[in-house]
């Protein structure tokens, strides 16, 4: 019998195991805590002089997120410049995303790239903060 269910593409199946995909680029889930998910995509590699890393933030909580702020710091061998975020609010249940771009340049030295993300936001009147270290940058 033929199923009415749509077939999952091979990319969908692989993303469940090997990270998310967008525009043919493999990303990585850098944060998945307290209903907040942040996916990183390397749009331009470091070999071009400046790596462009796009961060897509989503809220999987049943309440909206307000006053969302993402800060980033990198190891001393690099410099990071964050572009303004697309918003500071996310709807409940993934109804809207925030996109923020980080420009990363090599400053010298042989250290591997590591990034520390500090996230703060308000949900249902409660201020939340969390911190995550990222060392996996597919395609950097």
N, C-alpha and C. Protein backbone atom coordinates (compact mmCIF):
# COMPACT_ATOMS: atom_id res chain seq x y z
N UNK A 1 0.83 -1.20 0.00
CA UNK A 1 0.00 0.00 0.00
C UNK A 1 0.87 1.26 0.00
N UNK A 2 0.39 2.29 -0.68
CA UNK A 2 1.11 3.56 -0.78
C UNK A 2 0.71 4.43 0.40
N UNK A 3 1.69 5.00 1.05
CA UNK A 3 1.44 5.84 2.22
C UNK A 3 1.14 7.26 1.77
N UNK A 4 0.22 7.92 2.50
CA UNK A 4 -0.08 9.32 2.24
C UNK A 4 0.93 10.24 2.93
N UNK A 5 1.79 9.68 3.77
CA UNK A 5 2.78 10.49 4.49
C UNK A 5 3.86 10.95 3.51
N UNK A 6 4.27 12.22 3.60
CA UNK A 6 5.36 12.66 2.72
C UNK A 6 6.66 11.96 3.09
N UNK A 7 7.44 11.66 2.07
CA UNK A 7 8.73 11.00 2.29
C UNK A 7 9.71 12.02 2.86
N UNK A 8 10.47 11.59 3.84
CA UNK A 8 11.55 12.44 4.36
C UNK A 8 12.68 12.40 3.36
N UNK A 9 13.24 13.57 3.07
CA UNK A 9 14.40 13.58 2.19
C UNK A 9 15.60 13.04 2.96
N UNK A 10 16.60 12.64 2.21
CA UNK A 10 17.81 12.13 2.84
C UNK A 10 18.47 13.22 3.68
N UNK A 11 18.40 14.49 3.23
CA UNK A 11 18.95 15.60 4.00
C UNK A 11 18.26 15.72 5.35
N UNK A 12 16.91 15.57 5.38
CA UNK A 12 16.17 15.65 6.64
C UNK A 12 16.63 14.56 7.59
N UNK A 13 16.79 13.34 7.07
CA UNK A 13 17.21 12.24 7.93
C UNK A 13 18.62 12.47 8.45
N UNK A 14 19.52 12.96 7.58
CA UNK A 14 20.89 13.20 8.02
C UNK A 14 20.96 14.33 9.04
N UNK A 15 20.11 15.36 8.88
CA UNK A 15 20.18 16.48 9.81
C UNK A 15 19.81 16.07 11.22
N UNK A 16 18.99 15.02 11.35
CA UNK A 16 18.64 14.54 12.68
C UNK A 16 19.87 14.01 13.41
N UNK A 17 20.84 13.51 12.66
CA UNK A 17 22.03 12.92 13.25
C UNK A 17 23.27 13.80 13.16
N UNK A 18 23.39 14.59 12.09
CA UNK A 18 24.64 15.30 11.82
C UNK A 18 24.50 16.81 11.85
N UNK A 19 23.39 17.34 12.31
CA UNK A 19 23.23 18.78 12.39
C UNK A 19 22.26 19.29 11.35
N UNK A 20 21.85 20.51 11.55
CA UNK A 20 20.84 21.13 10.71
C UNK A 20 21.44 21.56 9.38
N UNK A 21 20.58 21.72 8.38
CA UNK A 21 21.01 22.17 7.06
C UNK A 21 20.16 23.36 6.67
N UNK A 22 20.78 24.33 6.04
CA UNK A 22 20.04 25.46 5.49
C UNK A 22 20.82 25.98 4.30
N UNK A 23 20.14 26.19 3.18
CA UNK A 23 20.79 26.65 1.96
C UNK A 23 22.00 25.80 1.60
N UNK A 24 21.91 24.49 1.85
CA UNK A 24 22.99 23.58 1.52
C UNK A 24 24.17 23.62 2.48
N UNK A 25 24.06 24.44 3.51
CA UNK A 25 25.15 24.54 4.50
C UNK A 25 24.80 23.72 5.73
N UNK A 26 25.81 22.98 6.24
CA UNK A 26 25.59 22.23 7.46
C UNK A 26 25.81 23.17 8.63
N UNK A 27 24.89 23.16 9.54
CA UNK A 27 25.00 23.97 10.74
C UNK A 27 25.17 23.08 11.95
N UNK A 28 25.24 23.73 13.09
CA UNK A 28 25.37 23.01 14.34
C UNK A 28 24.44 23.66 15.35
N UNK A 29 23.83 22.83 16.18
CA UNK A 29 23.01 23.35 17.26
C UNK A 29 23.95 23.67 18.41
N UNK A 30 24.16 24.96 18.66
CA UNK A 30 25.11 25.41 19.68
C UNK A 30 24.47 25.47 21.05
N UNK A 31 23.18 25.78 21.09
CA UNK A 31 22.45 25.90 22.36
C UNK A 31 21.12 25.20 22.20
N UNK A 32 20.77 24.40 23.20
CA UNK A 32 19.45 23.79 23.27
C UNK A 32 19.16 23.60 24.76
N UNK A 33 18.70 24.68 25.38
CA UNK A 33 18.49 24.68 26.83
C UNK A 33 17.32 25.60 27.17
N UNK A 34 16.52 25.20 28.13
CA UNK A 34 15.40 26.02 28.63
C UNK A 34 14.47 26.45 27.49
N UNK A 35 14.35 25.61 26.47
CA UNK A 35 13.46 25.93 25.36
C UNK A 35 14.04 26.88 24.33
N UNK A 36 15.27 27.32 24.53
CA UNK A 36 15.95 28.22 23.59
C UNK A 36 16.92 27.39 22.76
N UNK A 37 16.85 27.56 21.44
CA UNK A 37 17.76 26.86 20.53
C UNK A 37 18.48 27.88 19.67
N UNK A 38 19.79 27.71 19.54
CA UNK A 38 20.59 28.57 18.67
C UNK A 38 21.37 27.68 17.71
N UNK A 39 21.15 27.90 16.42
CA UNK A 39 21.84 27.17 15.37
C UNK A 39 22.87 28.09 14.73
N UNK A 40 24.06 27.56 14.47
CA UNK A 40 25.13 28.33 13.84
C UNK A 40 25.37 27.82 12.43
N UNK A 41 25.52 28.75 11.50
CA UNK A 41 25.84 28.43 10.11
C UNK A 41 27.02 29.28 9.68
N UNK A 42 28.05 28.68 9.11
CA UNK A 42 29.19 29.42 8.58
C UNK A 42 28.85 29.78 7.14
N UNK A 43 28.55 31.07 6.90
CA UNK A 43 28.20 31.51 5.55
C UNK A 43 29.44 31.80 4.71
N UNK A 44 30.51 32.28 5.36
CA UNK A 44 31.77 32.56 4.68
C UNK A 44 32.90 32.03 5.56
N UNK A 45 33.82 31.23 5.01
CA UNK A 45 34.90 30.66 5.84
C UNK A 45 35.99 31.68 6.17
N UNK A 46 36.80 31.36 7.15
CA UNK A 46 37.92 32.22 7.56
C UNK A 46 38.93 32.44 6.45
N UNK A 47 39.03 31.51 5.52
CA UNK A 47 40.01 31.63 4.43
C UNK A 47 39.78 32.89 3.60
N UNK A 48 38.59 33.47 3.67
CA UNK A 48 38.29 34.71 2.93
C UNK A 48 38.81 35.94 3.68
N UNK A 49 39.32 35.75 4.89
CA UNK A 49 39.79 36.88 5.70
C UNK A 49 38.88 37.13 6.89
N UNK A 50 37.57 37.12 6.64
CA UNK A 50 36.59 37.28 7.71
C UNK A 50 35.54 36.19 7.58
N UNK A 51 35.40 35.40 8.62
CA UNK A 51 34.34 34.38 8.63
C UNK A 51 33.03 35.06 9.00
N UNK A 52 31.98 34.68 8.32
CA UNK A 52 30.65 35.18 8.65
C UNK A 52 29.86 34.01 9.20
N UNK A 53 29.50 34.12 10.47
CA UNK A 53 28.76 33.07 11.16
C UNK A 53 27.37 33.62 11.48
N UNK A 54 26.35 32.94 10.94
CA UNK A 54 24.96 33.35 11.15
C UNK A 54 24.37 32.51 12.27
N UNK A 55 23.77 33.17 13.24
CA UNK A 55 23.15 32.49 14.37
C UNK A 55 21.64 32.69 14.29
N UNK A 56 20.92 31.58 14.29
CA UNK A 56 19.46 31.64 14.24
C UNK A 56 18.94 31.13 15.58
N UNK A 57 18.24 32.01 16.28
CA UNK A 57 17.74 31.72 17.62
C UNK A 57 16.24 31.48 17.54
N UNK A 58 15.77 30.44 18.23
CA UNK A 58 14.34 30.16 18.26
C UNK A 58 13.91 29.84 19.69
N UNK A 59 12.64 30.07 19.93
CA UNK A 59 12.04 29.89 21.25
C UNK A 59 11.00 28.78 21.15
N UNK A 60 11.25 27.66 21.81
CA UNK A 60 10.32 26.53 21.79
C UNK A 60 9.46 26.47 23.05
N UNK A 61 9.47 27.54 23.83
CA UNK A 61 8.66 27.62 25.04
C UNK A 61 7.21 27.98 24.71
N UNK A 62 6.28 27.70 25.64
CA UNK A 62 4.88 28.05 25.41
C UNK A 62 4.57 29.52 25.66
N UNK A 63 5.58 30.32 26.02
CA UNK A 63 5.41 31.76 26.25
C UNK A 63 6.43 32.52 25.42
N UNK A 64 6.10 33.76 25.01
CA UNK A 64 7.05 34.54 24.22
C UNK A 64 8.28 34.95 25.05
N UNK A 65 9.36 35.23 24.34
CA UNK A 65 10.61 35.70 24.95
C UNK A 65 10.77 37.18 24.60
N UNK A 66 11.11 37.98 25.61
CA UNK A 66 11.32 39.42 25.42
C UNK A 66 12.76 39.76 25.80
N UNK A 67 13.23 40.92 25.37
CA UNK A 67 14.54 41.45 25.77
C UNK A 67 15.68 40.44 25.55
N UNK A 68 15.62 39.73 24.44
CA UNK A 68 16.64 38.72 24.13
C UNK A 68 17.93 39.41 23.70
N UNK A 69 19.02 39.06 24.37
CA UNK A 69 20.34 39.62 24.04
C UNK A 69 21.33 38.46 23.95
N UNK A 70 22.07 38.45 22.85
CA UNK A 70 23.11 37.44 22.63
C UNK A 70 24.45 38.17 22.57
N UNK A 71 25.38 37.74 23.42
CA UNK A 71 26.73 38.29 23.43
C UNK A 71 27.70 37.17 23.07
N UNK A 72 28.81 37.53 22.43
CA UNK A 72 29.78 36.52 22.02
C UNK A 72 31.20 37.01 22.30
N UNK A 73 32.03 36.08 22.73
CA UNK A 73 33.46 36.33 22.91
C UNK A 73 34.21 35.16 22.29
N UNK A 74 35.40 35.43 21.75
CA UNK A 74 36.19 34.39 21.10
C UNK A 74 37.58 34.32 21.74
N UNK A 75 38.29 33.22 21.48
CA UNK A 75 39.66 33.07 21.98
C UNK A 75 40.53 34.21 21.45
N UNK A 76 41.64 34.47 22.15
CA UNK A 76 42.48 35.64 21.88
C UNK A 76 43.07 35.68 20.48
N UNK A 77 43.16 34.56 19.81
CA UNK A 77 43.71 34.54 18.45
C UNK A 77 42.72 35.07 17.42
N UNK A 78 41.52 35.47 17.85
CA UNK A 78 40.47 35.92 16.95
C UNK A 78 39.83 37.20 17.49
N UNK A 79 39.10 37.88 16.61
CA UNK A 79 38.28 39.03 17.00
C UNK A 79 36.88 38.77 16.49
N UNK A 80 35.88 39.17 17.28
CA UNK A 80 34.49 38.99 16.85
C UNK A 80 33.78 40.33 16.91
N UNK A 81 32.95 40.57 15.89
CA UNK A 81 32.10 41.75 15.84
C UNK A 81 30.68 41.26 15.55
N UNK A 82 29.78 41.53 16.49
CA UNK A 82 28.38 41.13 16.31
C UNK A 82 27.62 42.23 15.59
N UNK A 83 26.87 41.85 14.58
CA UNK A 83 25.97 42.78 13.90
C UNK A 83 24.68 42.87 14.72
N UNK A 84 23.90 43.93 14.54
CA UNK A 84 22.64 44.03 15.30
C UNK A 84 21.72 42.85 15.01
N UNK A 85 21.03 42.41 16.04
CA UNK A 85 20.07 41.30 15.91
C UNK A 85 18.85 41.76 15.13
N UNK A 86 18.17 40.81 14.50
CA UNK A 86 16.98 41.13 13.71
C UNK A 86 15.81 41.54 14.60
N UNK A 87 15.85 41.18 15.88
CA UNK A 87 14.78 41.51 16.83
C UNK A 87 15.30 41.23 18.23
N UNK A 88 14.51 41.56 19.23
CA UNK A 88 14.85 41.15 20.60
C UNK A 88 13.69 40.38 21.22
N UNK A 89 12.76 39.94 20.36
CA UNK A 89 11.57 39.23 20.81
C UNK A 89 11.34 38.00 19.93
N UNK A 90 10.92 36.89 20.58
CA UNK A 90 10.56 35.68 19.83
C UNK A 90 9.21 35.19 20.32
N UNK A 91 8.35 34.84 19.38
CA UNK A 91 7.04 34.30 19.72
C UNK A 91 7.18 32.90 20.32
N UNK A 92 6.13 32.46 20.98
CA UNK A 92 6.09 31.12 21.58
C UNK A 92 6.09 30.05 20.49
N UNK A 93 6.50 28.85 20.87
CA UNK A 93 6.46 27.65 20.02
C UNK A 93 7.13 27.85 18.66
N UNK A 94 8.24 28.59 18.63
CA UNK A 94 8.99 28.75 17.39
C UNK A 94 8.30 29.59 16.34
N UNK A 95 7.36 30.44 16.76
CA UNK A 95 6.60 31.26 15.81
C UNK A 95 7.42 32.31 15.10
N UNK A 96 8.55 32.70 15.67
CA UNK A 96 9.44 33.66 15.02
C UNK A 96 10.87 33.40 15.50
N UNK A 97 11.82 33.82 14.70
CA UNK A 97 13.24 33.62 15.01
C UNK A 97 13.94 34.96 15.12
N UNK A 98 15.10 34.94 15.74
CA UNK A 98 16.01 36.09 15.73
C UNK A 98 17.27 35.63 14.99
N UNK A 99 17.73 36.46 14.06
CA UNK A 99 18.97 36.17 13.35
C UNK A 99 20.00 37.22 13.75
N UNK A 100 21.19 36.75 14.05
CA UNK A 100 22.30 37.66 14.36
C UNK A 100 23.55 37.12 13.70
N UNK A 101 24.35 38.02 13.14
CA UNK A 101 25.54 37.64 12.40
C UNK A 101 26.78 38.06 13.17
N UNK A 102 27.76 37.16 13.23
CA UNK A 102 29.05 37.45 13.85
C UNK A 102 30.12 37.44 12.76
N UNK A 103 30.90 38.52 12.68
CA UNK A 103 32.05 38.58 11.79
C UNK A 103 33.28 38.23 12.62
N UNK A 104 34.01 37.21 12.21
CA UNK A 104 35.15 36.72 12.98
C UNK A 104 36.41 36.83 12.13
N UNK A 105 37.44 37.49 12.69
CA UNK A 105 38.73 37.65 12.01
C UNK A 105 39.82 37.00 12.84
N UNK A 106 40.82 36.48 12.15
CA UNK A 106 41.99 35.91 12.83
C UNK A 106 42.89 37.07 13.22
N UNK A 107 43.28 37.13 14.49
CA UNK A 107 44.13 38.22 14.99
C UNK A 107 45.58 37.79 15.10
N UNK A 108 45.85 36.51 15.02
CA UNK A 108 47.21 36.00 15.16
C UNK A 108 47.25 34.89 16.19
N UNK A 109 48.23 34.05 16.07
CA UNK A 109 48.32 32.93 17.00
C UNK A 109 47.75 31.67 16.37
N UNK A 110 47.96 30.56 17.06
CA UNK A 110 47.58 29.27 16.50
C UNK A 110 46.44 28.61 17.27
N UNK A 111 45.79 29.35 18.14
CA UNK A 111 44.69 28.77 18.92
C UNK A 111 43.54 28.37 18.01
N UNK A 112 42.85 27.32 18.41
CA UNK A 112 41.63 26.93 17.71
C UNK A 112 40.53 27.92 18.07
N UNK A 113 39.60 28.10 17.16
CA UNK A 113 38.48 29.02 17.40
C UNK A 113 37.51 28.40 18.40
N UNK A 114 37.24 29.15 19.45
CA UNK A 114 36.19 28.80 20.40
C UNK A 114 35.41 30.07 20.68
N UNK A 115 34.11 29.92 20.84
CA UNK A 115 33.25 31.06 21.10
C UNK A 115 32.43 30.80 22.36
N UNK A 116 32.33 31.81 23.20
CA UNK A 116 31.47 31.73 24.38
C UNK A 116 30.26 32.61 24.11
N UNK A 117 29.09 32.01 24.20
CA UNK A 117 27.84 32.74 24.01
C UNK A 117 27.21 32.99 25.37
N UNK A 118 26.81 34.23 25.60
CA UNK A 118 26.05 34.58 26.80
C UNK A 118 24.69 35.06 26.33
N UNK A 119 23.66 34.42 26.84
CA UNK A 119 22.29 34.69 26.41
C UNK A 119 21.51 35.20 27.61
N UNK A 120 20.78 36.28 27.42
CA UNK A 120 19.89 36.76 28.47
C UNK A 120 18.55 37.13 27.84
N UNK A 121 17.48 36.92 28.59
CA UNK A 121 16.14 37.20 28.08
C UNK A 121 15.15 37.19 29.24
N UNK A 122 13.95 37.65 28.95
CA UNK A 122 12.86 37.63 29.92
C UNK A 122 11.75 36.76 29.37
N UNK A 123 11.23 35.87 30.22
CA UNK A 123 10.09 35.04 29.85
C UNK A 123 9.13 35.02 31.03
N UNK A 124 7.89 35.36 30.77
CA UNK A 124 6.85 35.44 31.81
C UNK A 124 7.32 36.28 33.00
N UNK A 125 8.01 37.38 32.71
CA UNK A 125 8.46 38.30 33.75
C UNK A 125 9.72 37.89 34.48
N UNK A 126 10.27 36.72 34.17
CA UNK A 126 11.48 36.22 34.84
C UNK A 126 12.70 36.40 33.96
N UNK A 127 13.74 37.04 34.52
CA UNK A 127 15.00 37.21 33.80
C UNK A 127 15.78 35.89 33.81
N UNK A 128 16.26 35.47 32.65
CA UNK A 128 17.02 34.23 32.50
C UNK A 128 18.37 34.56 31.87
N UNK A 129 19.40 33.85 32.29
CA UNK A 129 20.71 33.95 31.64
C UNK A 129 21.30 32.56 31.51
N UNK A 130 22.09 32.36 30.49
CA UNK A 130 22.81 31.11 30.32
C UNK A 130 24.06 31.38 29.49
N UNK A 131 24.99 30.47 29.59
CA UNK A 131 26.26 30.62 28.90
C UNK A 131 26.63 29.28 28.27
N UNK A 132 27.12 29.33 27.04
CA UNK A 132 27.51 28.11 26.33
C UNK A 132 28.81 28.35 25.57
N UNK A 133 29.67 27.34 25.56
CA UNK A 133 30.91 27.37 24.79
C UNK A 133 30.72 26.57 23.51
N UNK A 134 31.19 27.13 22.40
CA UNK A 134 31.06 26.49 21.09
C UNK A 134 32.45 26.29 20.51
N UNK A 135 32.73 25.07 20.05
CA UNK A 135 34.02 24.81 19.40
C UNK A 135 33.85 24.11 18.06
N UNK A 136 32.61 23.80 17.68
CA UNK A 136 32.34 23.13 16.41
C UNK A 136 31.75 24.13 15.43
N UNK A 137 32.51 24.46 14.39
CA UNK A 137 32.08 25.41 13.37
C UNK A 137 32.23 24.75 12.01
N UNK A 138 31.22 24.00 11.56
CA UNK A 138 31.32 23.30 10.27
C UNK A 138 31.61 24.28 9.13
N UNK A 139 32.67 24.04 8.40
CA UNK A 139 32.98 24.85 7.23
C UNK A 139 33.77 26.10 7.51
N UNK A 140 34.25 26.29 8.74
CA UNK A 140 34.98 27.52 9.05
C UNK A 140 36.34 27.48 8.39
